């Protein structure tokens, strides 16, 4: 099955709003969810929401596996987690 590339942004090739082709150095949605869950086990979700400018309910739904983040939000959360390890 061949997927059509819809757009390319900030070094990530996206084939739709929820999934992207893996690229070395970037987290998959599952890896990001795991890192985020581990991070908020020790800290407040509201702090992450404030620092990343991502709605807390969006982060909660992402954490619980209801959906993957849009590319822009994915990048913001990944950058935040990489800077606050």
N, C-alpha and C. Protein backbone atom coordinates (compact mmCIF):
# COMPACT_ATOMS: atom_id res chain seq x y z
N UNK A 1 0.84 -1.18 0.00
CA UNK A 1 0.00 0.00 0.00
C UNK A 1 0.89 1.24 0.00
N UNK A 2 0.64 2.15 -0.90
CA UNK A 2 1.41 3.38 -1.00
C UNK A 2 0.61 4.54 -0.45
N UNK A 3 1.24 5.32 0.39
CA UNK A 3 0.59 6.52 0.94
C UNK A 3 1.07 7.74 0.20
N UNK A 4 0.22 8.68 0.01
CA UNK A 4 0.57 9.92 -0.66
C UNK A 4 1.03 10.94 0.37
N UNK A 5 2.16 11.55 0.11
CA UNK A 5 2.68 12.58 0.99
C UNK A 5 1.89 13.86 0.79
N UNK A 6 1.29 14.37 1.85
CA UNK A 6 0.47 15.56 1.74
C UNK A 6 1.24 16.84 2.01
N UNK A 7 2.15 16.83 2.98
CA UNK A 7 2.95 18.02 3.23
C UNK A 7 4.19 17.68 4.03
N UNK A 8 5.13 18.60 4.01
CA UNK A 8 6.41 18.44 4.69
C UNK A 8 6.64 19.70 5.51
N UNK A 9 6.85 19.53 6.82
CA UNK A 9 6.97 20.68 7.70
C UNK A 9 8.03 20.45 8.76
N UNK A 10 8.92 21.40 8.92
CA UNK A 10 9.96 21.36 9.96
C UNK A 10 10.73 20.05 9.98
N UNK A 11 11.04 19.54 8.82
CA UNK A 11 11.84 18.33 8.74
C UNK A 11 11.07 17.04 8.93
N UNK A 12 9.74 17.11 9.03
CA UNK A 12 8.92 15.92 9.22
C UNK A 12 8.01 15.77 8.01
N UNK A 13 7.98 14.59 7.43
CA UNK A 13 7.09 14.33 6.31
C UNK A 13 5.78 13.76 6.84
N UNK A 14 4.68 14.47 6.62
CA UNK A 14 3.38 14.06 7.12
C UNK A 14 2.54 13.50 5.99
N UNK A 15 1.83 12.39 6.26
CA UNK A 15 0.92 11.87 5.25
C UNK A 15 -0.53 12.18 5.60
N UNK A 16 -0.79 12.65 6.79
CA UNK A 16 -2.09 13.21 7.18
C UNK A 16 -1.91 13.92 8.51
N UNK A 17 -2.98 14.42 9.08
CA UNK A 17 -2.87 15.23 10.30
C UNK A 17 -2.47 14.42 11.53
N UNK A 18 -2.60 13.11 11.50
CA UNK A 18 -2.37 12.32 12.70
C UNK A 18 -1.12 11.45 12.66
N UNK A 19 -0.73 11.01 11.50
CA UNK A 19 0.43 10.14 11.43
C UNK A 19 1.48 10.75 10.51
N UNK A 20 2.70 10.37 10.71
CA UNK A 20 3.77 10.86 9.86
C UNK A 20 4.78 9.75 9.67
N UNK A 21 5.51 9.87 8.61
CA UNK A 21 6.54 8.89 8.34
C UNK A 21 7.67 9.10 9.34
N UNK A 22 8.10 8.03 9.95
CA UNK A 22 9.14 8.15 10.96
C UNK A 22 10.42 8.71 10.35
N UNK A 23 11.04 9.58 11.08
CA UNK A 23 12.30 10.18 10.67
C UNK A 23 13.25 10.10 11.84
N UNK A 24 14.46 9.72 11.59
CA UNK A 24 15.44 9.57 12.65
C UNK A 24 15.53 10.85 13.48
N UNK A 25 15.47 10.72 14.79
CA UNK A 25 15.58 11.85 15.69
C UNK A 25 14.26 12.40 16.17
N UNK A 26 13.15 11.93 15.62
CA UNK A 26 11.84 12.40 16.05
C UNK A 26 11.08 11.27 16.72
N UNK A 27 10.28 11.60 17.71
CA UNK A 27 9.48 10.59 18.42
C UNK A 27 8.24 10.24 17.61
N UNK A 28 7.86 8.98 17.67
CA UNK A 28 6.57 8.58 17.12
C UNK A 28 5.51 9.06 18.10
N UNK A 29 4.24 9.10 17.69
CA UNK A 29 3.19 9.47 18.65
C UNK A 29 3.20 8.58 19.90
N UNK A 30 3.47 7.30 19.74
CA UNK A 30 3.50 6.39 20.89
C UNK A 30 4.66 6.73 21.83
N UNK A 31 5.83 7.02 21.27
CA UNK A 31 6.98 7.39 22.09
C UNK A 31 6.72 8.70 22.82
N UNK A 32 6.10 9.64 22.13
CA UNK A 32 5.79 10.93 22.75
C UNK A 32 4.78 10.75 23.88
N UNK A 33 3.76 9.91 23.65
CA UNK A 33 2.75 9.66 24.68
C UNK A 33 3.40 9.05 25.93
N UNK A 34 4.31 8.10 25.72
CA UNK A 34 5.00 7.45 26.84
C UNK A 34 5.87 8.45 27.60
N UNK A 35 6.61 9.29 26.88
CA UNK A 35 7.46 10.29 27.52
C UNK A 35 6.62 11.31 28.29
N UNK A 36 5.50 11.72 27.70
CA UNK A 36 4.61 12.68 28.35
C UNK A 36 4.01 12.08 29.62
N UNK A 37 3.53 10.85 29.53
CA UNK A 37 2.94 10.19 30.70
C UNK A 37 3.95 10.08 31.83
N UNK A 38 5.18 9.71 31.50
CA UNK A 38 6.23 9.61 32.51
C UNK A 38 6.51 10.98 33.13
N UNK A 39 6.54 12.02 32.30
CA UNK A 39 6.83 13.37 32.78
C UNK A 39 5.75 13.85 33.74
N UNK A 40 4.49 13.68 33.40
CA UNK A 40 3.43 14.21 34.27
C UNK A 40 3.15 13.34 35.48
N UNK A 41 3.73 12.15 35.53
CA UNK A 41 3.62 11.37 36.76
C UNK A 41 4.28 12.11 37.92
N UNK A 42 5.27 12.94 37.59
CA UNK A 42 6.02 13.67 38.61
C UNK A 42 5.64 15.15 38.68
N UNK A 43 4.90 15.64 37.70
CA UNK A 43 4.58 17.06 37.62
C UNK A 43 3.10 17.27 37.28
N UNK A 44 2.69 18.51 37.18
CA UNK A 44 1.29 18.85 36.91
C UNK A 44 1.04 19.00 35.41
N UNK A 45 -0.06 18.42 34.96
CA UNK A 45 -0.46 18.56 33.56
C UNK A 45 -0.76 20.02 33.22
N UNK A 46 -1.30 20.76 34.17
CA UNK A 46 -1.63 22.17 33.93
C UNK A 46 -0.37 22.98 33.63
N UNK A 47 0.75 22.62 34.25
CA UNK A 47 2.02 23.31 33.99
C UNK A 47 2.46 23.06 32.55
N UNK A 48 2.37 21.81 32.11
CA UNK A 48 2.75 21.47 30.74
C UNK A 48 1.84 22.21 29.76
N UNK A 49 0.56 22.23 30.04
CA UNK A 49 -0.40 22.91 29.17
C UNK A 49 -0.05 24.40 29.05
N UNK A 50 0.26 25.01 30.16
CA UNK A 50 0.60 26.43 30.17
C UNK A 50 1.90 26.69 29.40
N UNK A 51 2.91 25.87 29.62
CA UNK A 51 4.22 26.08 29.00
C UNK A 51 4.22 25.78 27.50
N UNK A 52 3.37 24.86 27.05
CA UNK A 52 3.34 24.50 25.64
C UNK A 52 2.22 25.20 24.88
N UNK A 53 1.34 25.87 25.60
CA UNK A 53 0.17 26.51 25.01
C UNK A 53 -0.71 25.47 24.29
N UNK A 54 -0.86 24.31 24.93
CA UNK A 54 -1.75 23.25 24.45
C UNK A 54 -2.82 23.06 25.50
N UNK A 55 -4.06 23.05 25.08
CA UNK A 55 -5.19 22.89 26.00
C UNK A 55 -5.02 21.64 26.87
N UNK A 56 -5.28 21.75 28.16
CA UNK A 56 -5.12 20.64 29.09
C UNK A 56 -6.01 19.45 28.72
N UNK A 57 -7.21 19.72 28.22
CA UNK A 57 -8.09 18.60 27.84
C UNK A 57 -7.55 17.88 26.60
N UNK A 58 -6.88 18.62 25.72
CA UNK A 58 -6.24 17.99 24.55
C UNK A 58 -5.11 17.08 25.01
N UNK A 59 -4.30 17.57 25.96
CA UNK A 59 -3.21 16.75 26.50
C UNK A 59 -3.74 15.51 27.20
N UNK A 60 -4.84 15.66 27.93
CA UNK A 60 -5.44 14.53 28.62
C UNK A 60 -5.93 13.47 27.63
N UNK A 61 -6.60 13.91 26.60
CA UNK A 61 -7.09 12.97 25.58
C UNK A 61 -5.93 12.28 24.88
N UNK A 62 -4.87 13.02 24.60
CA UNK A 62 -3.68 12.44 23.98
C UNK A 62 -3.06 11.40 24.92
N UNK A 63 -2.92 11.76 26.19
CA UNK A 63 -2.33 10.85 27.17
C UNK A 63 -3.11 9.55 27.27
N UNK A 64 -4.43 9.65 27.19
CA UNK A 64 -5.28 8.47 27.32
C UNK A 64 -5.46 7.71 26.01
N UNK A 65 -4.75 8.13 24.97
CA UNK A 65 -4.76 7.40 23.71
C UNK A 65 -5.99 7.61 22.84
N UNK A 66 -6.76 8.65 23.11
CA UNK A 66 -7.96 8.89 22.31
C UNK A 66 -7.62 9.37 20.91
N UNK A 67 -6.52 10.10 20.77
CA UNK A 67 -6.06 10.55 19.46
C UNK A 67 -4.60 10.96 19.55
N UNK A 68 -3.97 11.11 18.39
CA UNK A 68 -2.62 11.64 18.30
C UNK A 68 -2.71 13.14 18.07
N UNK A 69 -1.68 13.85 18.46
CA UNK A 69 -1.67 15.31 18.32
C UNK A 69 -1.43 15.71 16.86
N UNK A 70 -1.98 16.87 16.50
CA UNK A 70 -1.67 17.46 15.20
C UNK A 70 -0.17 17.76 15.15
N UNK A 71 0.40 17.81 13.96
CA UNK A 71 1.86 18.00 13.84
C UNK A 71 2.42 19.18 14.63
N UNK A 72 1.77 20.31 14.60
CA UNK A 72 2.27 21.49 15.33
C UNK A 72 2.29 21.25 16.83
N UNK A 73 1.22 20.64 17.36
CA UNK A 73 1.15 20.36 18.80
C UNK A 73 2.14 19.26 19.19
N UNK A 74 2.29 18.27 18.32
CA UNK A 74 3.25 17.20 18.55
C UNK A 74 4.65 17.79 18.71
N UNK A 75 5.00 18.69 17.80
CA UNK A 75 6.33 19.30 17.84
C UNK A 75 6.53 20.14 19.10
N UNK A 76 5.50 20.90 19.50
CA UNK A 76 5.60 21.72 20.72
C UNK A 76 5.83 20.85 21.95
N UNK A 77 5.05 19.77 22.08
CA UNK A 77 5.18 18.91 23.25
C UNK A 77 6.52 18.18 23.24
N UNK A 78 6.94 17.70 22.09
CA UNK A 78 8.22 17.01 22.00
C UNK A 78 9.38 17.95 22.37
N UNK A 79 9.34 19.17 21.87
CA UNK A 79 10.38 20.14 22.20
C UNK A 79 10.40 20.42 23.69
N UNK A 80 9.23 20.61 24.29
CA UNK A 80 9.14 20.85 25.73
C UNK A 80 9.74 19.69 26.52
N UNK A 81 9.35 18.47 26.18
CA UNK A 81 9.83 17.31 26.92
C UNK A 81 11.33 17.13 26.76
N UNK A 82 11.86 17.40 25.56
CA UNK A 82 13.31 17.29 25.36
C UNK A 82 14.07 18.32 26.16
N UNK A 83 13.49 19.50 26.35
CA UNK A 83 14.15 20.56 27.11
C UNK A 83 14.01 20.41 28.62
N UNK A 84 13.05 19.62 29.08
CA UNK A 84 12.77 19.49 30.51
C UNK A 84 12.93 18.08 31.04
N UNK A 85 13.93 17.41 30.61
CA UNK A 85 14.19 16.05 31.10
C UNK A 85 14.91 16.09 32.41
